[in-house]
């Protein structure tokens, strides 16, 4: 149950897609004066050393953030994400990668709040330590809980300011997570129908990811945006991650344009072979699909 450590995968192509979307959502929320919450159901350690043993063991960031690090031609949504990563590396060298909690912290104002769930017994301690080292302001805005995020989410909805972004991104090591995502979203919408929910999932050679997306699309009266980024063709043995997707419920009106601008550039920059492509689909126009 506790074998997954995100440090092995920090900064890979899936993180790039997830965090480009996340930065745009956070910037949109922060554009209004009213406070908001960010809730991360599977927070990980929050901040990762790319020079550490775990990140170096697989080196997945080399085909993710490292490919983008020196680029100066990124479209605005990607450039805004890169600015956040660069702020975590003030000496100009790519040494650290901020996970979702630290990307959220970079956008929080005085009255905004961050709520983090992590079940891994080691990872949650690292997360709490990273938040403490980030300073008193970060610690004051943040609560870290060693708890199943699917269950813990229920007690936080609706949040007091009635504005929130909920990030749901389990490891999916347990294939039951796909069904739990759908159940958690349905329950969350019953408690807080106007919240923004961003669901990340892996593209792997299994039926569960596609089935999960179909079930999400069939939730009645749901507004959603679904973006995918595939960086290579699936391997003959079916192993490995060849891409990922982000399914956003109650997306801001600005997101479709931003993602449509970012995806073609990312598909070109992160392509590993001729199988690289992207898709974009929205609930208000199910026929919209623009592969690149």
C-alpha atoms as a PDB file:
ATOM      1  CA  UNK A   1       0.000   0.000   0.000  1.00  0.00           C
ATOM      2  CA  UNK A   2       2.838   2.386   0.796  1.00  0.00           C
ATOM      3  CA  UNK A   3       5.313   1.478  -1.959  1.00  0.00           C
ATOM      4  CA  UNK A   4       4.605   4.566  -4.081  1.00  0.00           C
ATOM      5  CA  UNK A   5       6.881   7.592  -3.604  1.00  0.00           C
ATOM      6  CA  UNK A   6       6.382  10.516  -5.924  1.00  0.00           C
ATOM      7  CA  UNK A   7      10.053  11.492  -5.629  1.00  0.00           C
ATOM      8  CA  UNK A   8      10.816   8.840  -8.263  1.00  0.00           C
ATOM      9  CA  UNK A   9       8.562  10.679 -10.739  1.00  0.00           C
ATOM     10  CA  UNK A  10       8.899  14.335  -9.719  1.00  0.00           C
ATOM     11  CA  UNK A  11       9.012  16.726 -12.651  1.00  0.00           C
ATOM     12  CA  UNK A  12       8.121  14.138 -15.292  1.00  0.00           C
ATOM     13  CA  UNK A  13       5.827  14.817 -18.254  1.00  0.00           C
ATOM     14  CA  UNK A  14       2.727  13.970 -16.215  1.00  0.00           C
ATOM     15  CA  UNK A  15       3.690  16.540 -13.575  1.00  0.00           C
ATOM     16  CA  UNK A  16       4.189  19.118 -16.307  1.00  0.00           C
ATOM     17  CA  UNK A  17       0.648  18.694 -17.635  1.00  0.00           C
ATOM     18  CA  UNK A  18      -0.929  18.566 -14.180  1.00  0.00           C
ATOM     19  CA  UNK A  19       0.930  21.603 -12.938  1.00  0.00           C
ATOM     20  CA  UNK A  20       0.420  23.764 -16.035  1.00  0.00           C
ATOM     21  CA  UNK A  21      -3.311  23.300 -15.464  1.00  0.00           C
ATOM     22  CA  UNK A  22      -2.957  23.796 -11.708  1.00  0.00           C
ATOM     23  CA  UNK A  23      -1.088  27.093 -12.068  1.00  0.00           C
ATOM     24  CA  UNK A  24      -3.771  28.479 -14.353  1.00  0.00           C
ATOM     25  CA  UNK A  25      -6.542  27.454 -11.948  1.00  0.00           C
ATOM     26  CA  UNK A  26      -4.726  29.035  -9.003  1.00  0.00           C
ATOM     27  CA  UNK A  27      -4.053  32.265 -10.875  1.00  0.00           C
ATOM     28  CA  UNK A  28      -7.716  32.469 -11.786  1.00  0.00           C
ATOM     29  CA  UNK A  29      -8.803  32.035  -8.164  1.00  0.00           C
ATOM     30  CA  UNK A  30      -6.260  34.560  -6.924  1.00  0.00           C
ATOM     31  CA  UNK A  31      -7.434  37.167  -9.445  1.00  0.00           C
ATOM     32  CA  UNK A  32     -10.422  37.921  -7.189  1.00  0.00           C
ATOM     33  CA  UNK A  33     -10.091  39.465  -3.729  1.00  0.00           C
ATOM     34  CA  UNK A  34     -12.263  36.845  -2.010  1.00  0.00           C
ATOM     35  CA  UNK A  35     -10.272  34.160  -0.167  1.00  0.00           C
ATOM     36  CA  UNK A  36     -10.144  30.544  -1.309  1.00  0.00           C
ATOM     37  CA  UNK A  37      -8.982  27.146  -0.144  1.00  0.00           C
ATOM     38  CA  UNK A  38      -6.849  24.566  -1.914  1.00  0.00           C
ATOM     39  CA  UNK A  39      -7.395  20.949  -0.899  1.00  0.00           C
ATOM     40  CA  UNK A  40      -4.958  18.272  -2.095  1.00  0.00           C
ATOM     41  CA  UNK A  41      -6.167  14.730  -1.427  1.00  0.00           C
ATOM     42  CA  UNK A  42      -2.817  13.025  -2.153  1.00  0.00           C
ATOM     43  CA  UNK A  43      -0.173  15.627  -1.444  1.00  0.00           C
ATOM     44  CA  UNK A  44       3.098  13.660  -1.446  1.00  0.00           C
ATOM     45  CA  UNK A  45       6.179  15.339   0.030  1.00  0.00           C
ATOM     46  CA  UNK A  46       5.439  18.744  -1.475  1.00  0.00           C
ATOM     47  CA  UNK A  47       8.982  19.575  -2.585  1.00  0.00           C
ATOM     48  CA  UNK A  48      11.555  17.308  -4.261  1.00  0.00           C
ATOM     49  CA  UNK A  49      15.301  17.362  -4.794  1.00  0.00           C
ATOM     50  CA  UNK A  50      16.139  16.455  -8.388  1.00  0.00           C
ATOM     51  CA  UNK A  51      19.697  15.759  -7.269  1.00  0.00           C
ATOM     52  CA  UNK A  52      18.563  13.246  -4.663  1.00  0.00           C
ATOM     53  CA  UNK A  53      18.894   9.491  -4.925  1.00  0.00           C
ATOM     54  CA  UNK A  54      15.251   8.801  -5.736  1.00  0.00           C
ATOM     55  CA  UNK A  55      14.807  11.371  -8.499  1.00  0.00           C
ATOM     56  CA  UNK A  56      18.163  10.442 -10.007  1.00  0.00           C
ATOM     57  CA  UNK A  57      17.369   6.723  -9.937  1.00  0.00           C
ATOM     58  CA  UNK A  58      14.823   7.026 -12.738  1.00  0.00           C
ATOM     59  CA  UNK A  59      15.620  10.482 -14.000  1.00  0.00           C
ATOM     60  CA  UNK A  60      12.068  11.000 -15.244  1.00  0.00           C
ATOM     61  CA  UNK A  61      12.429  14.768 -14.922  1.00  0.00           C
ATOM     62  CA  UNK A  62      14.899  14.642 -17.832  1.00  0.00           C
ATOM     63  CA  UNK A  63      11.967  14.010 -20.186  1.00  0.00           C
ATOM     64  CA  UNK A  64       9.767  16.499 -18.350  1.00  0.00           C
ATOM     65  CA  UNK A  65      10.734  19.771 -16.687  1.00  0.00           C
ATOM     66  CA  UNK A  66      14.380  19.544 -17.799  1.00  0.00           C
ATOM     67  CA  UNK A  67      13.361  19.686 -21.463  1.00  0.00           C
ATOM     68  CA  UNK A  68      11.519  22.944 -20.797  1.00  0.00           C
ATOM     69  CA  UNK A  69      13.946  24.566 -18.376  1.00  0.00           C
ATOM     70  CA  UNK A  70      15.962  26.565 -20.912  1.00  0.00           C
ATOM     71  CA  UNK A  71      13.198  27.193 -23.416  1.00  0.00           C
ATOM     72  CA  UNK A  72      12.320  30.831 -24.057  1.00  0.00           C
ATOM     73  CA  UNK A  73       9.499  30.236 -26.552  1.00  0.00           C
ATOM     74  CA  UNK A  74       6.887  28.724 -24.234  1.00  0.00           C
ATOM     75  CA  UNK A  75       3.296  29.978 -24.605  1.00  0.00           C
ATOM     76  CA  UNK A  76       1.962  32.028 -21.708  1.00  0.00           C
ATOM     77  CA  UNK A  77       0.288  29.200 -19.723  1.00  0.00           C
ATOM     78  CA  UNK A  78       3.512  27.166 -19.798  1.00  0.00           C
ATOM     79  CA  UNK A  79       5.696  30.211 -19.096  1.00  0.00           C
ATOM     80  CA  UNK A  80       3.638  30.982 -15.983  1.00  0.00           C
ATOM     81  CA  UNK A  81       4.196  27.427 -14.748  1.00  0.00           C
ATOM     82  CA  UNK A  82       7.932  27.683 -15.479  1.00  0.00           C
ATOM     83  CA  UNK A  83       8.091  30.918 -13.473  1.00  0.00           C
ATOM     84  CA  UNK A  84       6.814  29.012 -10.421  1.00  0.00           C
ATOM     85  CA  UNK A  85       9.401  26.256 -10.839  1.00  0.00           C
ATOM     86  CA  UNK A  86      12.169  28.810 -11.373  1.00  0.00           C
ATOM     87  CA  UNK A  87      11.169  30.589  -8.161  1.00  0.00           C
ATOM     88  CA  UNK A  88      11.932  27.325  -6.337  1.00  0.00           C
ATOM     89  CA  UNK A  89      15.419  27.381  -7.880  1.00  0.00           C
ATOM     90  CA  UNK A  90      16.669  30.914  -7.191  1.00  0.00           C
ATOM     91  CA  UNK A  91      20.270  30.167  -8.199  1.00  0.00           C
ATOM     92  CA  UNK A  92      19.123  29.430 -11.753  1.00  0.00           C
ATOM     93  CA  UNK A  93      20.024  25.736 -11.759  1.00  0.00           C
ATOM     94  CA  UNK A  94      17.292  23.108 -11.852  1.00  0.00           C
ATOM     95  CA  UNK A  95      17.781  21.403  -8.490  1.00  0.00           C
ATOM     96  CA  UNK A  96      14.309  21.270  -6.926  1.00  0.00           C
ATOM     97  CA  UNK A  97      10.833  20.562  -8.159  1.00  0.00           C
ATOM     98  CA  UNK A  98       7.792  21.978  -6.332  1.00  0.00           C
ATOM     99  CA  UNK A  99       4.923  19.528  -6.043  1.00  0.00           C
ATOM    100  CA  UNK A 100       1.311  20.614  -5.982  1.00  0.00           C
ATOM    101  CA  UNK A 101       1.380  21.822  -2.336  1.00  0.00           C
ATOM    102  CA  UNK A 102       4.268  24.194  -2.981  1.00  0.00           C
ATOM    103  CA  UNK A 103       2.798  25.384  -6.264  1.00  0.00           C
ATOM    104  CA  UNK A 104      -0.359  26.186  -4.297  1.00  0.00           C
ATOM    105  CA  UNK A 105       1.628  27.995  -1.592  1.00  0.00           C
ATOM    106  CA  UNK A 106       3.195  30.201  -4.255  1.00  0.00           C
ATOM    107  CA  UNK A 107      -0.280  31.564  -5.059  1.00  0.00           C
ATOM    108  CA  UNK A 108      -1.874  31.870  -1.606  1.00  0.00           C
ATOM    109  CA  UNK A 109      -2.644  35.244  -0.070  1.00  0.00           C
ATOM    110  CA  UNK A 110      -2.951  36.041   3.641  1.00  0.00           C
ATOM    111  CA  UNK A 111      -6.520  34.746   4.007  1.00  0.00           C
ATOM    112  CA  UNK A 112      -6.241  31.723   1.684  1.00  0.00           C
ATOM    113  CA  UNK A 113      -5.790  28.253   3.134  1.00  0.00           C
ATOM    114  CA  UNK A 114      -4.149  24.960   2.122  1.00  0.00           C
ATOM    115  CA  UNK A 115      -5.334  21.566   3.356  1.00  0.00           C
ATOM    116  CA  UNK A 116      -3.146  18.563   2.603  1.00  0.00           C
ATOM    117  CA  UNK A 117      -3.762  14.833   2.981  1.00  0.00           C
ATOM    118  CA  UNK A 118      -1.070  12.164   2.739  1.00  0.00           C
ATOM    119  CA  UNK A 119      -1.241   8.578   3.978  1.00  0.00           C
ATOM    120  CA  UNK A 120       2.345   7.416   3.443  1.00  0.00           C
ATOM    121  CA  UNK A 121       3.943   7.287   6.925  1.00  0.00           C
ATOM    122  CA  UNK A 122       7.302   8.629   5.734  1.00  0.00           C
ATOM    123  CA  UNK A 123       6.035  10.983   3.069  1.00  0.00           C
ATOM    124  CA  UNK A 124       3.662  12.800   5.415  1.00  0.00           C
ATOM    125  CA  UNK A 125       6.537  13.532   7.794  1.00  0.00           C
ATOM    126  CA  UNK A 126       8.647  14.924   4.974  1.00  0.00           C
ATOM    127  CA  UNK A 127       5.693  17.018   3.837  1.00  0.00           C
ATOM    128  CA  UNK A 128       5.150  18.473   7.305  1.00  0.00           C
ATOM    129  CA  UNK A 129       8.852  19.253   7.566  1.00  0.00           C
ATOM    130  CA  UNK A 130       8.925  20.953   4.183  1.00  0.00           C
ATOM    131  CA  UNK A 131       5.942  23.118   5.123  1.00  0.00           C
ATOM    132  CA  UNK A 132       7.596  24.082   8.418  1.00  0.00           C
ATOM    133  CA  UNK A 133      10.816  25.025   6.618  1.00  0.00           C
ATOM    134  CA  UNK A 134       8.850  27.200   4.197  1.00  0.00           C
ATOM    135  CA  UNK A 135       8.285  29.683   7.021  1.00  0.00           C
ATOM    136  CA  UNK A 136       5.667  30.877   9.457  1.00  0.00           C
ATOM    137  CA  UNK A 137       3.344  32.186   6.769  1.00  0.00           C
ATOM    138  CA  UNK A 138       3.192  28.823   5.012  1.00  0.00           C
ATOM    139  CA  UNK A 139       2.708  26.967   8.296  1.00  0.00           C
ATOM    140  CA  UNK A 140      -0.094  29.330   9.366  1.00  0.00           C
ATOM    141  CA  UNK A 141      -2.031  28.779   6.145  1.00  0.00           C
ATOM    142  CA  UNK A 142      -1.540  25.024   5.959  1.00  0.00           C
ATOM    143  CA  UNK A 143      -2.810  21.940   7.768  1.00  0.00           C
ATOM    144  CA  UNK A 144      -1.221  18.554   6.997  1.00  0.00           C
ATOM    145  CA  UNK A 145      -3.151  15.417   7.898  1.00  0.00           C
ATOM    146  CA  UNK A 146      -2.080  11.794   7.785  1.00  0.00           C
ATOM    147  CA  UNK A 147      -5.398  10.577   6.496  1.00  0.00           C
ATOM    148  CA  UNK A 148      -6.983   9.018   3.435  1.00  0.00           C
ATOM    149  CA  UNK A 149      -7.767  12.041   1.281  1.00  0.00           C
ATOM    150  CA  UNK A 150     -10.853  10.422  -0.218  1.00  0.00           C
ATOM    151  CA  UNK A 151     -12.355  10.191   3.260  1.00  0.00           C
ATOM    152  CA  UNK A 152     -10.905  13.381   4.692  1.00  0.00           C
ATOM    153  CA  UNK A 153     -12.278  15.505   1.883  1.00  0.00           C
ATOM    154  CA  UNK A 154     -15.829  15.018   3.118  1.00  0.00           C
ATOM    155  CA  UNK A 155     -15.273  16.928   6.361  1.00  0.00           C
ATOM    156  CA  UNK A 156     -13.864  19.981   4.552  1.00  0.00           C
ATOM    157  CA  UNK A 157     -16.721  20.573   2.148  1.00  0.00           C
ATOM    158  CA  UNK A 158     -18.139  23.088   1.787  1.00  0.00           C
ATOM    159  CA  UNK A 159     -15.170  25.252   2.851  1.00  0.00           C
ATOM    160  CA  UNK A 160     -15.939  28.438   4.806  1.00  0.00           C
ATOM    161  CA  UNK A 161     -15.164  30.893   1.972  1.00  0.00           C
ATOM    162  CA  UNK A 162     -17.277  28.883  -0.517  1.00  0.00           C
ATOM    163  CA  UNK A 163     -14.410  29.125  -3.013  1.00  0.00           C
ATOM    164  CA  UNK A 164     -12.031  26.207  -3.420  1.00  0.00           C
ATOM    165  CA  UNK A 165      -9.905  24.139  -5.737  1.00  0.00           C
ATOM    166  CA  UNK A 166      -9.758  20.426  -4.948  1.00  0.00           C
ATOM    167  CA  UNK A 167      -6.942  18.430  -6.512  1.00  0.00           C
ATOM    168  CA  UNK A 168      -7.557  14.671  -6.650  1.00  0.00           C
ATOM    169  CA  UNK A 169      -4.491  12.792  -7.848  1.00  0.00           C
ATOM    170  CA  UNK A 170      -3.942   9.401  -6.213  1.00  0.00           C
ATOM    171  CA  UNK A 171      -1.120   7.157  -7.387  1.00  0.00           C
ATOM    172  CA  UNK A 172      -3.591   4.638  -8.865  1.00  0.00           C
ATOM    173  CA  UNK A 173      -1.288   1.841  -7.701  1.00  0.00           C
ATOM    174  CA  UNK A 174      -4.460   0.318  -6.324  1.00  0.00           C
ATOM    175  CA  UNK A 175      -6.838  -0.041  -9.264  1.00  0.00           C
ATOM    176  CA  UNK A 176      -9.743   0.638  -6.902  1.00  0.00           C
ATOM    177  CA  UNK A 177      -8.606   4.268  -6.897  1.00  0.00           C
ATOM    178  CA  UNK A 178     -10.291   4.779 -10.273  1.00  0.00           C
ATOM    179  CA  UNK A 179     -13.697   3.960  -8.806  1.00  0.00           C
ATOM    180  CA  UNK A 180     -12.930   5.871  -5.631  1.00  0.00           C
ATOM    181  CA  UNK A 181     -12.222   9.012  -7.663  1.00  0.00           C
ATOM    182  CA  UNK A 182     -15.702   8.854  -9.208  1.00  0.00           C
ATOM    183  CA  UNK A 183     -17.330   8.206  -5.836  1.00  0.00           C
ATOM    184  CA  UNK A 184     -15.374  11.008  -4.167  1.00  0.00           C
ATOM    185  CA  UNK A 185     -16.358  13.484  -6.858  1.00  0.00           C
ATOM    186  CA  UNK A 186     -20.043  12.574  -6.669  1.00  0.00           C
ATOM    187  CA  UNK A 187     -20.005  12.950  -2.904  1.00  0.00           C
ATOM    188  CA  UNK A 188     -18.071  16.224  -3.082  1.00  0.00           C
ATOM    189  CA  UNK A 189     -20.496  17.728  -5.575  1.00  0.00           C
ATOM    190  CA  UNK A 190     -23.358  16.872  -3.243  1.00  0.00           C
ATOM    191  CA  UNK A 191     -21.637  18.870  -0.505  1.00  0.00           C
ATOM    192  CA  UNK A 192     -20.078  21.648  -2.600  1.00  0.00           C
ATOM    193  CA  UNK A 193     -21.525  21.811  -6.096  1.00  0.00           C
ATOM    194  CA  UNK A 194     -19.749  25.028  -7.126  1.00  0.00           C
ATOM    195  CA  UNK A 195     -16.200  23.935  -6.280  1.00  0.00           C
ATOM    196  CA  UNK A 196     -13.517  23.466  -8.909  1.00  0.00           C
ATOM    197  CA  UNK A 197     -12.189  19.886  -9.003  1.00  0.00           C
ATOM    198  CA  UNK A 198      -9.063  18.851 -10.924  1.00  0.00           C
ATOM    199  CA  UNK A 199      -8.606  15.106 -11.358  1.00  0.00           C
ATOM    200  CA  UNK A 200      -5.296  13.805 -12.692  1.00  0.00           C
ATOM    201  CA  UNK A 201      -4.906  10.260 -14.017  1.00  0.00           C
ATOM    202  CA  UNK A 202      -2.234   8.218 -15.839  1.00  0.00           C
ATOM    203  CA  UNK A 203      -2.418   6.908 -19.382  1.00  0.00           C
ATOM    204  CA  UNK A 204      -1.502   3.237 -19.039  1.00  0.00           C
ATOM    205  CA  UNK A 205      -2.421   0.051 -20.865  1.00  0.00           C
ATOM    206  CA  UNK A 206      -5.376  -0.769 -18.632  1.00  0.00           C
ATOM    207  CA  UNK A 207      -9.110  -0.368 -19.088  1.00  0.00           C
ATOM    208  CA  UNK A 208      -9.661   1.469 -15.803  1.00  0.00           C
ATOM    209  CA  UNK A 209      -8.520   4.994 -16.847  1.00  0.00           C
ATOM    210  CA  UNK A 210     -10.807   5.131 -19.890  1.00  0.00           C
ATOM    211  CA  UNK A 211     -13.704   3.685 -17.905  1.00  0.00           C
ATOM    212  CA  UNK A 212     -13.182   6.253 -15.138  1.00  0.00           C
ATOM    213  CA  UNK A 213     -13.309   9.101 -17.663  1.00  0.00           C
ATOM    214  CA  UNK A 214     -16.496   7.704 -19.212  1.00  0.00           C
ATOM    215  CA  UNK A 215     -18.116   7.552 -15.786  1.00  0.00           C
ATOM    216  CA  UNK A 216     -17.063  11.122 -15.013  1.00  0.00           C
ATOM    217  CA  UNK A 217     -18.477  12.376 -18.304  1.00  0.00           C
ATOM    218  CA  UNK A 218     -21.823  10.753 -17.508  1.00  0.00           C
ATOM    219  CA  UNK A 219     -22.342  12.590 -14.209  1.00  0.00           C
ATOM    220  CA  UNK A 220     -25.560  14.582 -14.856  1.00  0.00           C
ATOM    221  CA  UNK A 221     -25.413  18.329 -15.493  1.00  0.00           C
ATOM    222  CA  UNK A 222     -21.656  18.445 -15.064  1.00  0.00           C
ATOM    223  CA  UNK A 223     -19.482  21.151 -16.641  1.00  0.00           C
ATOM    224  CA  UNK A 224     -16.060  19.740 -17.421  1.00  0.00           C
ATOM    225  CA  UNK A 225     -12.884  20.056 -19.474  1.00  0.00           C
ATOM    226  CA  UNK A 226     -10.741  17.042 -20.292  1.00  0.00           C
ATOM    227  CA  UNK A 227      -7.154  17.411 -21.547  1.00  0.00           C
ATOM    228  CA  UNK A 228      -4.661  14.660 -22.367  1.00  0.00           C
ATOM    229  CA  UNK A 229      -0.985  14.717 -23.258  1.00  0.00           C
ATOM    230  CA  UNK A 230       0.585  11.579 -24.741  1.00  0.00           C
ATOM    231  CA  UNK A 231       4.371  11.680 -25.141  1.00  0.00           C
ATOM    232  CA  UNK A 232       5.010   8.305 -26.774  1.00  0.00           C
ATOM    233  CA  UNK A 233       3.309   5.269 -28.201  1.00  0.00           C
ATOM    234  CA  UNK A 234       2.481   2.524 -25.689  1.00  0.00           C
ATOM    235  CA  UNK A 235       5.183  -0.117 -25.414  1.00  0.00           C
ATOM    236  CA  UNK A 236       4.516  -3.598 -26.848  1.00  0.00           C
ATOM    237  CA  UNK A 237       4.620  -5.104 -23.353  1.00  0.00           C
ATOM    238  CA  UNK A 238       2.089  -2.540 -22.117  1.00  0.00           C
ATOM    239  CA  UNK A 239       4.315  -1.336 -19.286  1.00  0.00           C
ATOM    240  CA  UNK A 240       5.045   2.238 -18.314  1.00  0.00           C
ATOM    241  CA  UNK A 241       3.386   5.616 -18.452  1.00  0.00           C
ATOM    242  CA  UNK A 242       2.941   6.953 -21.977  1.00  0.00           C
ATOM    243  CA  UNK A 243       0.906  10.023 -21.065  1.00  0.00           C
ATOM    244  CA  UNK A 244      -1.626  11.456 -18.656  1.00  0.00           C
ATOM    245  CA  UNK A 245      -4.873  13.351 -18.473  1.00  0.00           C
ATOM    246  CA  UNK A 246      -6.514  16.051 -16.372  1.00  0.00           C
ATOM    247  CA  UNK A 247     -10.297  16.186 -15.974  1.00  0.00           C
ATOM    248  CA  UNK A 248     -11.468  19.518 -14.552  1.00  0.00           C
ATOM    249  CA  UNK A 249     -14.979  19.948 -13.163  1.00  0.00           C
ATOM    250  CA  UNK A 250     -16.427  23.476 -13.071  1.00  0.00           C
ATOM    251  CA  UNK A 251     -13.492  24.892 -15.045  1.00  0.00           C
ATOM    252  CA  UNK A 252     -13.106  28.670 -15.247  1.00  0.00           C
ATOM    253  CA  UNK A 253     -14.009  30.129 -18.625  1.00  0.00           C
ATOM    254  CA  UNK A 254     -10.348  30.981 -19.246  1.00  0.00           C
ATOM    255  CA  UNK A 255      -9.069  27.414 -18.977  1.00  0.00           C
ATOM    256  CA  UNK A 256     -10.112  26.091 -22.379  1.00  0.00           C
ATOM    257  CA  UNK A 257      -8.196  28.766 -24.237  1.00  0.00           C
ATOM    258  CA  UNK A 258      -5.120  28.379 -22.021  1.00  0.00           C
ATOM    259  CA  UNK A 259      -4.978  24.592 -22.386  1.00  0.00           C
ATOM    260  CA  UNK A 260      -5.563  24.772 -26.130  1.00  0.00           C
ATOM    261  CA  UNK A 261      -2.593  27.141 -26.330  1.00  0.00           C
ATOM    262  CA  UNK A 262      -0.331  24.991 -24.154  1.00  0.00           C
ATOM    263  CA  UNK A 263      -1.021  21.461 -25.399  1.00  0.00           C
ATOM    264  CA  UNK A 264       0.385  21.598 -28.957  1.00  0.00           C
ATOM    265  CA  UNK A 265       3.590  23.199 -27.702  1.00  0.00           C
ATOM    266  CA  UNK A 266       3.958  20.673 -24.885  1.00  0.00           C
ATOM    267  CA  UNK A 267       3.326  17.746 -27.227  1.00  0.00           C
ATOM    268  CA  UNK A 268       6.164  18.941 -29.434  1.00  0.00           C
ATOM    269  CA  UNK A 269       8.548  19.791 -26.594  1.00  0.00           C
ATOM    270  CA  UNK A 270       8.000  16.555 -24.660  1.00  0.00           C
ATOM    271  CA  UNK A 271       7.543  14.100 -27.547  1.00  0.00           C
ATOM    272  CA  UNK A 272       9.554  10.896 -27.158  1.00  0.00           C
ATOM    273  CA  UNK A 273       8.473   9.359 -30.470  1.00  0.00           C
ATOM    274  CA  UNK A 274       5.962   9.736 -33.277  1.00  0.00           C
ATOM    275  CA  UNK A 275       3.151   8.599 -30.965  1.00  0.00           C
ATOM    276  CA  UNK A 276       3.084  11.967 -29.168  1.00  0.00           C
ATOM    277  CA  UNK A 277      -0.283  13.728 -29.357  1.00  0.00           C
ATOM    278  CA  UNK A 278      -2.827  15.710 -27.368  1.00  0.00           C
ATOM    279  CA  UNK A 279      -6.571  15.985 -27.045  1.00  0.00           C
ATOM    280  CA  UNK A 280      -8.988  18.503 -25.618  1.00  0.00           C
ATOM    281  CA  UNK A 281     -12.679  17.940 -24.997  1.00  0.00           C
ATOM    282  CA  UNK A 282     -15.310  19.984 -23.165  1.00  0.00           C
ATOM    283  CA  UNK A 283     -18.775  19.204 -21.859  1.00  0.00           C
ATOM    284  CA  UNK A 284     -20.366  22.145 -23.646  1.00  0.00           C
ATOM    285  CA  UNK A 285     -18.998  20.865 -26.955  1.00  0.00           C
ATOM    286  CA  UNK A 286     -18.455  17.076 -26.754  1.00  0.00           C
ATOM    287  CA  UNK A 287     -17.474  17.004 -30.410  1.00  0.00           C
ATOM    288  CA  UNK A 288     -14.485  19.253 -29.716  1.00  0.00           C
ATOM    289  CA  UNK A 289     -11.369  17.139 -30.061  1.00  0.00           C
ATOM    290  CA  UNK A 290      -8.216  18.648 -31.441  1.00  0.00           C
ATOM    291  CA  UNK A 291      -5.445  16.053 -31.661  1.00  0.00           C
ATOM    292  CA  UNK A 292      -1.986  17.208 -32.531  1.00  0.00           C
END
